[in-house]
Amino acid sequence: MTTTEAPRPPDRPMVPRPKFAKTAAVIGAFTMVIVAGYSAMAFTGYEPGAPKRDEVPASFRSSPGGYRTFHFWHSGYHGGK
């Protein structure tokens, strides 16, 4: 009687391989969707729930005593060590 299969060595029995779980595929796909969405939001600079920002005119920013002028931050004694 002839067999086409090569005989296995006696110390190396056949080991069944575990199948790829469907749950792992679903979790992997879900993770990829989350990462892609986060990447798109970071690339575009979109922040959900953030109001649209208005720009303060330069004349308002540079007026004396106006909105946080140079002298507001850089005048007088600031303390320190």
PDB file of N, CA and C in Angstrom:
ATOM      1  N   MET A   1       0.831  -1.167   0.000  1.00  0.00           N
ATOM      2  CA  MET A   1       0.000   0.000   0.000  1.00  0.00           C
ATOM      3  C   MET A   1       0.886   1.245   0.000  1.00  0.00           C
ATOM      4  N   THR A   2       0.639   2.135  -0.915  1.00  0.00           N
ATOM      5  CA  THR A   2       1.451   3.324  -1.077  1.00  0.00           C
ATOM      6  C   THR A   2       0.647   4.559  -0.668  1.00  0.00           C
ATOM      7  N   THR A   3       1.297   5.449   0.066  1.00  0.00           N
ATOM      8  CA  THR A   3       0.652   6.711   0.446  1.00  0.00           C
ATOM      9  C   THR A   3       1.405   7.853  -0.197  1.00  0.00           C
ATOM     10  N   THR A   4       0.694   8.893  -0.545  1.00  0.00           N
ATOM     11  CA  THR A   4       1.319  10.071  -1.148  1.00  0.00           C
ATOM     12  C   THR A   4       1.790  11.056  -0.084  1.00  0.00           C
ATOM     13  N   GLU A   5       1.370  10.851   1.124  1.00  0.00           N
ATOM     14  CA  GLU A   5       1.728  11.756   2.217  1.00  0.00           C
ATOM     15  C   GLU A   5       3.019  11.279   2.868  1.00  0.00           C
ATOM     16  N   ALA A   6       3.925  12.222   3.118  1.00  0.00           N
ATOM     17  CA  ALA A   6       5.188  11.870   3.769  1.00  0.00           C
ATOM     18  C   ALA A   6       4.917  11.552   5.232  1.00  0.00           C
ATOM     19  N   PRO A   7       5.593  10.564   5.772  1.00  0.00           N
ATOM     20  CA  PRO A   7       5.362  10.227   7.185  1.00  0.00           C
ATOM     21  C   PRO A   7       5.869  11.338   8.103  1.00  0.00           C
ATOM     22  N   ARG A   8       5.136  11.580   9.182  1.00  0.00           N
ATOM     23  CA  ARG A   8       5.521  12.601  10.155  1.00  0.00           C
ATOM     24  C   ARG A   8       6.513  12.007  11.138  1.00  0.00           C
ATOM     25  N   PRO A   9       7.427  12.840  11.589  1.00  0.00           N
ATOM     26  CA  PRO A   9       8.309  12.364  12.653  1.00  0.00           C
ATOM     27  C   PRO A   9       7.476  12.103  13.907  1.00  0.00           C
ATOM     28  N   PRO A  10       7.832  11.137  14.706  1.00  0.00           N
ATOM     29  CA  PRO A  10       7.009  10.783  15.860  1.00  0.00           C
ATOM     30  C   PRO A  10       6.950  11.859  16.938  1.00  0.00           C
ATOM     31  N   ASP A  11       7.930  12.767  17.013  1.00  0.00           N
ATOM     32  CA  ASP A  11       7.925  13.769  18.085  1.00  0.00           C
ATOM     33  C   ASP A  11       7.254  15.083  17.679  1.00  0.00           C
ATOM     34  N   ARG A  12       6.709  15.175  16.475  1.00  0.00           N
ATOM     35  CA  ARG A  12       6.071  16.412  16.034  1.00  0.00           C
ATOM     36  C   ARG A  12       4.657  16.136  15.542  1.00  0.00           C
ATOM     37  N   PRO A  13       3.705  16.025  16.445  1.00  0.00           N
ATOM     38  CA  PRO A  13       2.330  15.765  16.015  1.00  0.00           C
ATOM     39  C   PRO A  13       1.700  17.011  15.391  1.00  0.00           C
ATOM     40  N   MET A  14       0.658  16.820  14.640  1.00  0.00           N
ATOM     41  CA  MET A  14      -0.047  17.918  14.000  1.00  0.00           C
ATOM     42  C   MET A  14      -0.752  18.762  15.069  1.00  0.00           C
ATOM     43  N   VAL A  15      -0.564  20.080  15.004  1.00  0.00           N
ATOM     44  CA  VAL A  15      -1.167  20.997  15.974  1.00  0.00           C
ATOM     45  C   VAL A  15      -2.240  21.803  15.249  1.00  0.00           C
ATOM     46  N   PRO A  16      -3.455  21.768  15.724  1.00  0.00           N
ATOM     47  CA  PRO A  16      -4.508  22.550  15.058  1.00  0.00           C
ATOM     48  C   PRO A  16      -4.293  24.043  15.293  1.00  0.00           C
ATOM     49  N   ARG A  17      -4.481  24.832  14.255  1.00  0.00           N
ATOM     50  CA  ARG A  17      -4.330  26.286  14.351  1.00  0.00           C
ATOM     51  C   ARG A  17      -5.673  26.912  14.715  1.00  0.00           C
ATOM     52  N   PRO A  18      -5.667  27.907  15.593  1.00  0.00           N
ATOM     53  CA  PRO A  18      -6.937  28.564  15.922  1.00  0.00           C
ATOM     54  C   PRO A  18      -7.412  29.399  14.738  1.00  0.00           C
ATOM     55  N   LYS A  19      -8.715  29.461  14.548  1.00  0.00           N
ATOM     56  CA  LYS A  19      -9.289  30.249  13.468  1.00  0.00           C
ATOM     57  C   LYS A  19      -9.345  31.712  13.888  1.00  0.00           C
ATOM     58  N   PHE A  20      -9.309  32.588  12.896  1.00  0.00           N
ATOM     59  CA  PHE A  20      -9.395  34.022  13.147  1.00  0.00           C
ATOM     60  C   PHE A  20     -10.820  34.345  13.577  1.00  0.00           C
ATOM     61  N   ALA A  21     -10.967  34.937  14.736  1.00  0.00           N
ATOM     62  CA  ALA A  21     -12.294  35.213  15.284  1.00  0.00           C
ATOM     63  C   ALA A  21     -12.953  36.383  14.551  1.00  0.00           C
ATOM     64  N   LYS A  22     -14.247  36.284  14.336  1.00  0.00           N
ATOM     65  CA  LYS A  22     -14.995  37.365  13.699  1.00  0.00           C
ATOM     66  C   LYS A  22     -15.032  38.593  14.600  1.00  0.00           C
ATOM     67  N   THR A  23     -15.035  38.362  15.896  1.00  0.00           N
ATOM     68  CA  THR A  23     -15.053  39.483  16.840  1.00  0.00           C
ATOM     69  C   THR A  23     -13.794  40.330  16.700  1.00  0.00           C
ATOM     70  N   ALA A  24     -12.660  39.678  16.483  1.00  0.00           N
ATOM     71  CA  ALA A  24     -11.411  40.421  16.312  1.00  0.00           C
ATOM     72  C   ALA A  24     -11.468  41.280  15.055  1.00  0.00           C
ATOM     73  N   ALA A  25     -12.080  40.786  13.998  1.00  0.00           N
ATOM     74  CA  ALA A  25     -12.212  41.562  12.766  1.00  0.00           C
ATOM     75  C   ALA A  25     -13.124  42.765  12.978  1.00  0.00           C
ATOM     76  N   VAL A  26     -14.210  42.579  13.700  1.00  0.00           N
ATOM     77  CA  VAL A  26     -15.141  43.683  13.965  1.00  0.00           C
ATOM     78  C   VAL A  26     -14.473  44.745  14.829  1.00  0.00           C
ATOM     79  N   ILE A  27     -13.769  44.325  15.855  1.00  0.00           N
ATOM     80  CA  ILE A  27     -13.078  45.278  16.728  1.00  0.00           C
ATOM     81  C   ILE A  27     -11.987  46.014  15.953  1.00  0.00           C
ATOM     82  N   GLY A  28     -11.268  45.312  15.100  1.00  0.00           N
ATOM     83  CA  GLY A  28     -10.235  45.951  14.281  1.00  0.00           C
ATOM     84  C   GLY A  28     -10.818  46.978  13.329  1.00  0.00           C
ATOM     85  N   ALA A  29     -11.938  46.651  12.684  1.00  0.00           N
ATOM     86  CA  ALA A  29     -12.582  47.593  11.768  1.00  0.00           C
ATOM     87  C   ALA A  29     -13.102  48.815  12.525  1.00  0.00           C
ATOM     88  N   PHE A  30     -13.702  48.601  13.683  1.00  0.00           N
ATOM     89  CA  PHE A  30     -14.203  49.705  14.500  1.00  0.00           C
ATOM     90  C   PHE A  30     -13.057  50.623  14.931  1.00  0.00           C
ATOM     91  N   THR A  31     -11.951  50.037  15.321  1.00  0.00           N
ATOM     92  CA  THR A  31     -10.781  50.818  15.728  1.00  0.00           C
ATOM     93  C   THR A  31     -10.248  51.647  14.568  1.00  0.00           C
ATOM     94  N   MET A  32     -10.219  51.068  13.379  1.00  0.00           N
ATOM     95  CA  MET A  32      -9.736  51.806  12.212  1.00  0.00           C
ATOM     96  C   MET A  32     -10.650  52.991  11.887  1.00  0.00           C
ATOM     97  N   VAL A  33     -11.957  52.816  12.050  1.00  0.00           N
ATOM     98  CA  VAL A  33     -12.891  53.919  11.809  1.00  0.00           C
ATOM     99  C   VAL A  33     -12.659  55.040  12.819  1.00  0.00           C
ATOM    100  N   ILE A  34     -12.459  54.693  14.073  1.00  0.00           N
ATOM    101  CA  ILE A  34     -12.217  55.697  15.115  1.00  0.00           C
ATOM    102  C   ILE A  34     -10.915  56.450  14.839  1.00  0.00           C
ATOM    103  N   VAL A  35      -9.858  55.731  14.512  1.00  0.00           N
ATOM    104  CA  VAL A  35      -8.556  56.367  14.253  1.00  0.00           C
ATOM    105  C   VAL A  35      -8.629  57.245  13.010  1.00  0.00           C
ATOM    106  N   ALA A  36      -9.311  56.792  11.965  1.00  0.00           N
ATOM    107  CA  ALA A  36      -9.441  57.593  10.746  1.00  0.00           C
ATOM    108  C   ALA A  36     -10.242  58.868  11.016  1.00  0.00           C
ATOM    109  N   GLY A  37     -11.307  58.763  11.799  1.00  0.00           N
ATOM    110  CA  GLY A  37     -12.094  59.949  12.137  1.00  0.00           C
ATOM    111  C   GLY A  37     -11.310  60.944  12.967  1.00  0.00           C
ATOM    112  N   TYR A  38     -10.582  60.453  13.946  1.00  0.00           N
ATOM    113  CA  TYR A  38      -9.758  61.337  14.777  1.00  0.00           C
ATOM    114  C   TYR A  38      -8.671  62.005  13.934  1.00  0.00           C
ATOM    115  N   SER A  39      -8.060  61.248  13.028  1.00  0.00           N
ATOM    116  CA  SER A  39      -7.016  61.811  12.166  1.00  0.00           C
ATOM    117  C   SER A  39      -7.582  62.893  11.256  1.00  0.00           C
ATOM    118  N   ALA A  40      -8.767  62.658  10.700  1.00  0.00           N
ATOM    119  CA  ALA A  40      -9.389  63.658   9.836  1.00  0.00           C
ATOM    120  C   ALA A  40      -9.711  64.929  10.616  1.00  0.00           C
ATOM    121  N   MET A  41     -10.220  64.776  11.840  1.00  0.00           N
ATOM    122  CA  MET A  41     -10.525  65.953  12.657  1.00  0.00           C
ATOM    123  C   MET A  41      -9.256  66.713  13.029  1.00  0.00           C
ATOM    124  N   ALA A  42      -8.185  66.005  13.339  1.00  0.00           N
ATOM    125  CA  ALA A  42      -6.931  66.665  13.694  1.00  0.00           C
ATOM    126  C   ALA A  42      -6.327  67.368  12.484  1.00  0.00           C
ATOM    127  N   PHE A  43      -6.439  66.761  11.309  1.00  0.00           N
ATOM    128  CA  PHE A  43      -5.864  67.350  10.094  1.00  0.00           C
ATOM    129  C   PHE A  43      -6.603  68.618   9.691  1.00  0.00           C
ATOM    130  N   THR A  44      -7.928  68.621   9.818  1.00  0.00           N
ATOM    131  CA  THR A  44      -8.714  69.782   9.411  1.00  0.00           C
ATOM    132  C   THR A  44      -8.820  70.841  10.499  1.00  0.00           C
ATOM    133  N   GLY A  45      -8.498  70.499  11.741  1.00  0.00           N
ATOM    134  CA  GLY A  45      -8.592  71.458  12.835  1.00  0.00           C
ATOM    135  C   GLY A  45     -10.000  71.627  13.369  1.00  0.00           C
ATOM    136  N   TYR A  46     -10.875  70.702  13.066  1.00  0.00           N
ATOM    137  CA  TYR A  46     -12.269  70.770  13.520  1.00  0.00           C
ATOM    138  C   TYR A  46     -12.368  70.387  14.989  1.00  0.00           C
ATOM    139  N   GLU A  47     -13.099  71.201  15.750  1.00  0.00           N
ATOM    140  CA  GLU A  47     -13.357  70.908  17.156  1.00  0.00           C
ATOM    141  C   GLU A  47     -14.863  70.887  17.353  1.00  0.00           C
ATOM    142  N   PRO A  48     -15.440  69.725  17.665  1.00  0.00           N
ATOM    143  CA  PRO A  48     -16.891  69.680  17.842  1.00  0.00           C
ATOM    144  C   PRO A  48     -17.324  70.495  19.060  1.00  0.00           C
ATOM    145  N   GLY A  49     -18.356  71.281  18.877  1.00  0.00           N
ATOM    146  CA  GLY A  49     -18.884  72.079  19.977  1.00  0.00           C
ATOM    147  C   GLY A  49     -18.184  73.407  20.182  1.00  0.00           C
ATOM    148  N   ALA A  50     -17.136  73.692  19.422  1.00  0.00           N
ATOM    149  CA  ALA A  50     -16.417  74.956  19.583  1.00  0.00           C
ATOM    150  C   ALA A  50     -17.129  76.043  18.777  1.00  0.00           C
ATOM    151  N   PRO A  51     -17.374  77.202  19.384  1.00  0.00           N
ATOM    152  CA  PRO A  51     -18.014  78.283  18.631  1.00  0.00           C
ATOM    153  C   PRO A  51     -17.046  78.872  17.611  1.00  0.00           C
ATOM    154  N   LYS A  52     -17.602  79.509  16.600  1.00  0.00           N
ATOM    155  CA  LYS A  52     -16.759  80.135  15.594  1.00  0.00           C
ATOM    156  C   LYS A  52     -16.032  81.317  16.235  1.00  0.00           C
ATOM    157  N   ARG A  53     -14.758  81.438  15.956  1.00  0.00           N
ATOM    158  CA  ARG A  53     -13.961  82.506  16.567  1.00  0.00           C
ATOM    159  C   ARG A  53     -14.038  83.772  15.733  1.00  0.00           C
ATOM    160  N   ASP A  54     -14.213  84.885  16.424  1.00  0.00           N
ATOM    161  CA  ASP A  54     -14.193  86.187  15.768  1.00  0.00           C
ATOM    162  C   ASP A  54     -12.805  86.778  15.921  1.00  0.00           C
ATOM    163  N   GLU A  55     -12.401  87.549  14.922  1.00  0.00           N
ATOM    164  CA  GLU A  55     -11.082  88.169  14.975  1.00  0.00           C
ATOM    165  C   GLU A  55     -11.220  89.582  15.530  1.00  0.00           C
ATOM    166  N   VAL A  56     -10.369  89.912  16.485  1.00  0.00           N
ATOM    167  CA  VAL A  56     -10.372  91.244  17.076  1.00  0.00           C
ATOM    168  C   VAL A  56      -9.582  92.157  16.141  1.00  0.00           C
ATOM    169  N   PRO A  57     -10.167  93.301  15.727  1.00  0.00           N
ATOM    170  CA  PRO A  57      -9.469  94.195  14.805  1.00  0.00           C
ATOM    171  C   PRO A  57      -8.172  94.734  15.410  1.00  0.00           C
ATOM    172  N   ALA A  58      -7.199  95.004  14.559  1.00  0.00           N
ATOM    173  CA  ALA A  58      -5.899  95.503  15.017  1.00  0.00           C
ATOM    174  C   ALA A  58      -6.036  96.854  15.706  1.00  0.00           C
ATOM    175  N   SER A  59      -6.949  97.702  15.246  1.00  0.00           N
ATOM    176  CA  SER A  59      -7.117  99.021  15.871  1.00  0.00           C
ATOM    177  C   SER A  59      -7.607  98.878  17.314  1.00  0.00           C
ATOM    178  N   PHE A  60      -8.408  97.892  17.563  1.00  0.00           N
ATOM    179  CA  PHE A  60      -8.905  97.650  18.923  1.00  0.00           C
ATOM    180  C   PHE A  60      -7.804  97.081  19.810  1.00  0.00           C
ATOM    181  N   ARG A  61      -6.959  96.226  19.235  1.00  0.00           N
ATOM    182  CA  ARG A  61      -5.887  95.611  20.024  1.00  0.00           C
ATOM    183  C   ARG A  61      -4.772  96.599  20.349  1.00  0.00           C
ATOM    184  N   SER A  62      -4.496  97.530  19.450  1.00  0.00           N
ATOM    185  CA  SER A  62      -3.355  98.422  19.658  1.00  0.00           C
ATOM    186  C   SER A  62      -3.731  99.759  20.286  1.00  0.00           C
ATOM    187  N   SER A  63      -4.985 100.005  20.583  1.00  0.00           N
ATOM    188  CA  SER A  63      -5.375 101.286  21.164  1.00  0.00           C
ATOM    189  C   SER A  63      -4.870 101.383  22.607  1.00  0.00           C
ATOM    190  N   PRO A  64      -4.494 102.595  23.064  1.00  0.00           N
ATOM    191  CA  PRO A  64      -3.992 102.751  24.423  1.00  0.00           C
ATOM    192  C   PRO A  64      -5.067 102.383  25.449  1.00  0.00           C
ATOM    193  N   GLY A  65      -4.706 101.529  26.373  1.00  0.00           N
ATOM    194  CA  GLY A  65      -5.654 101.104  27.384  1.00  0.00           C
ATOM    195  C   GLY A  65      -6.689 100.125  26.855  1.00  0.00           C
ATOM    196  N   GLY A  66      -6.480  99.656  25.664  1.00  0.00           N
ATOM    197  CA  GLY A  66      -7.446  98.751  25.036  1.00  0.00           C
ATOM    198  C   GLY A  66      -7.228  97.308  25.450  1.00  0.00           C
ATOM    199  N   TYR A  67      -7.593  96.445  24.580  1.00  0.00           N
ATOM    200  CA  TYR A  67      -7.611  95.005  24.843  1.00  0.00           C
ATOM    201  C   TYR A  67      -6.205  94.448  25.002  1.00  0.00           C
ATOM    202  N   ARG A  68      -5.772  94.212  26.219  1.00  0.00           N
ATOM    203  CA  ARG A  68      -4.494  93.570  26.534  1.00  0.00           C
ATOM    204  C   ARG A  68      -3.323  94.151  25.733  1.00  0.00           C
ATOM    205  N   THR A  69      -3.060  95.403  25.957  1.00  0.00           N
ATOM    206  CA  THR A  69      -1.980  96.064  25.235  1.00  0.00           C
ATOM    207  C   THR A  69      -0.630  95.573  25.736  1.00  0.00           C
ATOM    208  N   PHE A  70       0.420  96.045  25.099  1.00  0.00           N
ATOM    209  CA  PHE A  70       1.781  95.690  25.492  1.00  0.00           C
ATOM    210  C   PHE A  70       2.021  96.077  26.944  1.00  0.00           C
ATOM    211  N   HIS A  71       1.516  97.241  27.343  1.00  0.00           N
ATOM    212  CA  HIS A  71       1.759  97.722  28.704  1.00  0.00           C
ATOM    213  C   HIS A  71       0.967  96.934  29.748  1.00  0.00           C
ATOM    214  N   PHE A  72      -0.076  96.242  29.323  1.00  0.00           N
ATOM    215  CA  PHE A  72      -0.821  95.389  30.248  1.00  0.00           C
ATOM    216  C   PHE A  72       0.060  94.254  30.737  1.00  0.00           C
ATOM    217  N   TRP A  73       0.837  93.676  29.834  1.00  0.00           N
ATOM    218  CA  TRP A  73       1.676  92.530  30.184  1.00  0.00           C
ATOM    219  C   TRP A  73       3.076  92.942  30.642  1.00  0.00           C
ATOM    220  N   HIS A  74       3.593  94.075  30.133  1.00  0.00           N
ATOM    221  CA  HIS A  74       5.001  94.410  30.363  1.00  0.00           C
ATOM    222  C   HIS A  74       5.165  95.761  31.051  1.00  0.00           C
ATOM    223  N   SER A  75       4.540  95.947  32.178  1.00  0.00           N
ATOM    224  CA  SER A  75       4.751  97.195  32.905  1.00  0.00           C
ATOM    225  C   SER A  75       4.762  96.903  34.395  1.00  0.00           C
ATOM    226  N   GLY A  76       5.588  97.656  35.109  1.00  0.00           N
ATOM    227  CA  GLY A  76       5.618  97.538  36.558  1.00  0.00           C
ATOM    228  C   GLY A  76       6.390  96.334  37.057  1.00  0.00           C
ATOM    229  N   TYR A  77       6.338  96.171  38.349  1.00  0.00           N
ATOM    230  CA  TYR A  77       7.066  95.097  39.020  1.00  0.00           C
ATOM    231  C   TYR A  77       6.247  93.816  38.950  1.00  0.00           C
ATOM    232  N   HIS A  78       6.869  92.731  38.524  1.00  0.00           N
ATOM    233  CA  HIS A  78       6.173  91.454  38.385  1.00  0.00           C
ATOM    234  C   HIS A  78       6.555  90.460  39.458  1.00  0.00           C
ATOM    235  N   GLY A  79       7.437  90.833  40.354  1.00  0.00           N
ATOM    236  CA  GLY A  79       7.849  89.908  41.405  1.00  0.00           C
ATOM    237  C   GLY A  79       8.882  88.928  40.876  1.00  0.00           C
ATOM    238  N   GLY A  80       8.937  87.791  41.464  1.00  0.00           N
ATOM    239  CA  GLY A  80       9.905  86.787  41.034  1.00  0.00           C
ATOM    240  C   GLY A  80      10.913  86.526  42.125  1.00  0.00           C
ATOM    241  N   LYS A  81      11.820  85.644  41.836  1.00  0.00           N
ATOM    242  CA  LYS A  81      12.826  85.275  42.836  1.00  0.00           C
ATOM    243  C   LYS A  81      14.076  86.090  42.668  1.00  0.00           C
TER     244      LYS A  81
END
